[in-house]
Amino acid sequence: KTLSTFLIAVLAMISFTIHAQTSNAPQTKISVLGIDALQMPQDKESLAHLTRLKLQKMDGFVVFRHYDVLDEMKTAGESAEDCLSVKCLARVGELIGAEYMLTGSLENLSDGITVNYNLVSVEEKTIVKSVVKEFYYFPRQIDDMITISLNELFDVETDPLLTESLVMSENVIDQRPTERLNLNGPRMGALFVGGHKG
């Protein structure tokens, strides 16, 4: 009985230590804005929402809540509909305290679906990495297409069988191949933006 109690105590200490280390791991603050839908069955708001959900499930990210971002933009006189340029995205990123802004588009072509994501560095005010993937036309698997594309963008491994069954072609452009985001932190939910600026 004494040994069992000792082992339980040791396991509890190990679990607490791992949790503490994970909680202190750096998180990348990111916001999704300007996702366009071109002839897609889903509208752009739905696709942007799905992109945010996928990011929230990935390790190492703190994702800003969309309505909080819109509220901050409205207060600052910014329009979400018109904020498509890198300059505007970087400006909004500074406003809300994000490190990166994720933008892009999903387009329904004659024989497939193209997913394009661009990662904008708020500090550098430039696109630091892009991914373009052409998928076979399986509209019911948009969820998987977004997952594959985001995994490619952030160097996360994807089930090769899933990739082979959906991907027609791909193009990844990394402006900073020697640098990668730190995605070793815990899985986090949405980030609430507190207060208003200016």
Protein backbone atom coordinates (compact mmCIF):
# COMPACT_ATOMS: atom_id res chain seq x y z
CA LYS A 1 0.00 0.00 0.00
CA THR A 2 2.84 2.37 0.87
CA LEU A 3 4.58 1.60 -2.42
CA SER A 4 1.38 2.22 -4.38
CA THR A 5 0.88 5.56 -2.65
CA PHE A 6 4.48 6.51 -3.43
CA LEU A 7 4.12 5.60 -7.12
CA ILE A 8 0.89 7.59 -7.40
CA ALA A 9 2.61 10.61 -5.85
CA VAL A 10 5.55 10.32 -8.26
CA LEU A 11 3.25 10.06 -11.29
CA ALA A 12 1.27 13.06 -10.09
CA MET A 13 4.48 15.11 -9.78
CA ILE A 14 5.62 14.08 -13.28
CA SER A 15 2.22 14.98 -14.73
CA PHE A 16 2.26 18.37 -13.00
CA THR A 17 5.78 19.10 -14.25
CA ILE A 18 4.88 18.23 -17.86
CA HIS A 19 1.74 20.37 -17.66
CA ALA A 20 3.69 23.31 -16.25
CA GLN A 21 6.33 23.07 -18.98
CA THR A 22 3.67 22.84 -21.67
CA SER A 23 1.73 25.80 -20.27
CA ASN A 24 4.86 27.96 -20.31
CA ALA A 25 5.74 27.12 -23.92
CA PRO A 26 5.66 30.13 -26.27
CA GLN A 27 2.52 30.53 -28.36
CA THR A 28 2.23 32.14 -31.78
CA LYS A 29 -0.55 34.74 -31.92
CA ILE A 30 -2.33 34.54 -35.25
CA SER A 31 -5.51 35.90 -36.82
CA VAL A 32 -7.38 34.75 -39.91
CA LEU A 33 -8.69 37.50 -42.17
CA GLY A 34 -9.47 37.98 -45.86
CA ILE A 35 -10.22 34.37 -46.83
CA ASP A 36 -11.97 34.50 -50.21
CA ALA A 37 -14.33 31.92 -51.74
CA LEU A 38 -14.46 31.74 -55.53
CA GLN A 39 -17.36 29.70 -56.93
CA MET A 40 -17.28 27.49 -53.85
CA PRO A 41 -20.31 25.68 -52.36
CA GLN A 42 -19.47 27.36 -49.03
CA ASP A 43 -19.33 31.11 -48.49
CA LYS A 44 -16.12 32.84 -47.44
CA GLU A 45 -17.25 33.31 -43.83
CA SER A 46 -17.78 29.57 -43.45
CA LEU A 47 -14.38 28.75 -44.97
CA ALA A 48 -12.63 31.34 -42.80
CA HIS A 49 -14.37 29.92 -39.72
CA LEU A 50 -13.30 26.40 -40.65
CA THR A 51 -9.72 27.64 -41.10
CA ARG A 52 -9.77 29.15 -37.59
CA LEU A 53 -11.09 25.92 -36.10
CA LYS A 54 -8.29 23.95 -37.76
CA LEU A 55 -5.67 26.38 -36.44
CA GLN A 56 -7.08 26.13 -32.92
CA LYS A 57 -6.56 22.37 -33.04
CA MET A 58 -2.91 22.74 -34.08
CA ASP A 59 -0.18 22.92 -31.46
CA GLY A 60 1.48 26.24 -30.73
CA PHE A 61 -1.17 28.73 -31.81
CA VAL A 62 -3.35 31.25 -30.05
CA VAL A 63 -6.07 32.21 -32.52
CA PHE A 64 -7.90 35.52 -32.21
CA ARG A 65 -11.70 35.42 -32.05
CA HIS A 66 -13.07 36.82 -35.29
CA TYR A 67 -15.76 39.01 -33.75
CA ASP A 68 -13.26 40.59 -31.38
CA VAL A 69 -11.04 41.41 -34.34
CA LEU A 70 -13.98 42.93 -36.22
CA ASP A 71 -14.86 45.03 -33.20
CA GLU A 72 -11.31 46.37 -32.95
CA MET A 73 -11.27 47.09 -36.68
CA LYS A 74 -14.57 48.93 -36.52
CA THR A 75 -13.31 51.10 -33.65
CA ALA A 76 -10.17 51.91 -35.65
CA GLY A 77 -12.15 52.68 -38.80
CA GLU A 78 -10.93 49.62 -40.72
CA SER A 79 -13.15 47.57 -43.02
CA ALA A 80 -12.79 43.79 -43.02
CA GLU A 81 -14.24 43.57 -46.54
CA ASP A 82 -11.60 45.93 -47.92
CA CYS A 83 -8.63 44.66 -45.89
CA LEU A 84 -7.03 42.35 -48.42
CA SER A 85 -3.60 43.91 -48.98
CA VAL A 86 -0.52 42.87 -47.02
CA LYS A 87 -0.20 46.45 -45.77
CA CYS A 88 -3.72 46.46 -44.33
CA LEU A 89 -3.37 42.99 -42.83
CA ALA A 90 -0.14 43.99 -41.11
CA ARG A 91 -1.79 47.16 -39.81
CA VAL A 92 -4.68 45.16 -38.33
CA GLY A 93 -2.20 42.69 -36.87
CA GLU A 94 -0.46 45.51 -35.04
CA LEU A 95 -3.82 46.80 -33.84
CA ILE A 96 -4.83 43.53 -32.21
CA GLY A 97 -1.36 42.38 -31.13
CA ALA A 98 -0.98 39.46 -33.56
CA GLU A 99 2.35 38.13 -34.78
CA TYR A 100 0.97 36.69 -38.00
CA MET A 101 -2.07 37.15 -40.20
CA LEU A 102 -3.36 34.29 -42.34
CA THR A 103 -5.15 35.11 -45.57
CA GLY A 104 -5.90 33.30 -48.83
CA SER A 105 -8.59 31.83 -51.02
CA LEU A 106 -10.37 28.64 -52.01
CA GLU A 107 -11.42 28.37 -55.64
CA ASN A 108 -13.66 25.89 -57.42
CA LEU A 109 -12.14 25.12 -60.82
CA SER A 110 -13.58 22.97 -63.61
CA ASP A 111 -11.88 19.78 -62.46
CA GLY A 112 -10.72 20.53 -58.93
CA ILE A 113 -10.42 22.86 -55.96
CA THR A 114 -7.43 25.14 -55.37
CA VAL A 115 -6.51 26.17 -51.84
CA ASN A 116 -4.13 29.11 -51.41
CA TYR A 117 -2.90 30.34 -48.02
CA ASN A 118 -0.53 33.26 -47.40
CA LEU A 119 1.17 33.83 -44.05
CA VAL A 120 1.85 37.52 -43.36
CA SER A 121 4.42 38.58 -40.77
CA VAL A 122 3.03 41.60 -38.91
CA GLU A 123 6.50 42.75 -37.86
CA GLU A 124 8.04 42.41 -41.33
CA LYS A 125 4.88 43.51 -43.16
CA THR A 126 5.38 40.90 -45.84
CA ILE A 127 4.24 37.42 -46.88
CA VAL A 128 6.77 35.02 -45.40
CA LYS A 129 5.30 31.77 -46.69
CA SER A 130 2.64 30.65 -49.16
CA VAL A 131 1.11 27.34 -50.10
CA VAL A 132 -0.99 26.55 -53.18
CA LYS A 133 -2.55 23.12 -53.50
CA GLU A 134 -4.78 21.73 -56.22
CA PHE A 135 -7.18 19.05 -55.05
CA TYR A 136 -9.45 16.68 -56.91
CA TYR A 137 -13.04 17.87 -56.92
CA PHE A 138 -14.43 16.34 -53.74
CA PRO A 139 -16.39 19.27 -52.21
CA ARG A 140 -17.48 17.20 -49.22
CA GLN A 141 -13.84 16.91 -48.19
CA ILE A 142 -13.10 20.63 -47.91
CA ASP A 143 -12.33 19.98 -44.25
CA ASP A 144 -9.49 17.61 -45.17
CA MET A 145 -8.22 19.95 -47.90
CA ILE A 146 -7.87 22.79 -45.40
CA THR A 147 -6.11 20.50 -42.94
CA ILE A 148 -3.61 19.30 -45.56
CA SER A 149 -2.90 22.86 -46.72
CA LEU A 150 -2.38 24.23 -43.21
CA ASN A 151 -0.17 21.30 -42.29
CA GLU A 152 1.97 22.02 -45.35
CA LEU A 153 2.14 25.71 -44.49
CA PHE A 154 3.31 25.05 -40.94
CA ASP A 155 5.50 22.00 -41.59
CA VAL A 156 3.18 19.51 -39.89
CA GLU A 157 3.13 15.93 -41.12
CA THR A 158 -0.02 14.71 -42.85
CA ASP A 159 -1.22 11.17 -43.43
CA PRO A 160 0.34 10.37 -46.85
CA LEU A 161 -2.64 8.24 -47.87
CA LEU A 162 -4.99 11.17 -47.31
CA THR A 163 -2.71 13.48 -49.28
CA GLU A 164 -2.38 11.06 -52.19
CA SER A 165 -6.15 10.58 -52.39
CA LEU A 166 -6.91 14.30 -52.65
CA VAL A 167 -3.91 16.30 -53.93
CA MET A 168 -3.42 16.87 -57.66
CA SER A 169 -0.45 19.26 -57.41
CA GLU A 170 1.17 21.66 -54.96
CA ASN A 171 3.44 24.67 -54.73
CA VAL A 172 5.04 25.87 -51.50
CA ILE A 173 6.98 29.14 -51.38
CA ASP A 174 8.92 29.76 -48.18
CA GLN A 175 10.54 33.18 -48.00
CA ARG A 176 12.47 32.19 -44.87
CA PRO A 177 13.45 28.51 -45.26
CA THR A 178 15.83 28.57 -42.29
CA GLU A 179 13.20 29.82 -39.87
CA ARG A 180 10.16 28.00 -38.63
CA LEU A 181 7.42 28.96 -36.23
CA ASN A 182 7.62 27.38 -32.81
CA LEU A 183 4.67 25.00 -32.77
CA ASN A 184 5.69 22.94 -29.76
CA GLY A 185 3.27 24.54 -27.32
CA PRO A 186 -0.07 23.22 -26.06
CA ARG A 187 -3.28 23.33 -28.03
CA MET A 188 -5.06 26.57 -27.32
CA GLY A 189 -8.46 28.03 -28.08
CA ALA A 190 -9.43 31.43 -29.33
CA LEU A 191 -7.80 34.61 -28.07
CA PHE A 192 -10.08 37.33 -26.74
CA VAL A 193 -9.06 40.89 -27.57
CA GLY A 194 -9.63 43.07 -24.54
CA GLY A 195 -10.39 46.78 -24.67
CA HIS A 196 -10.33 49.24 -27.51
CA LYS A 197 -7.50 51.25 -28.94
CA GLY A 198 -7.69 54.81 -30.12
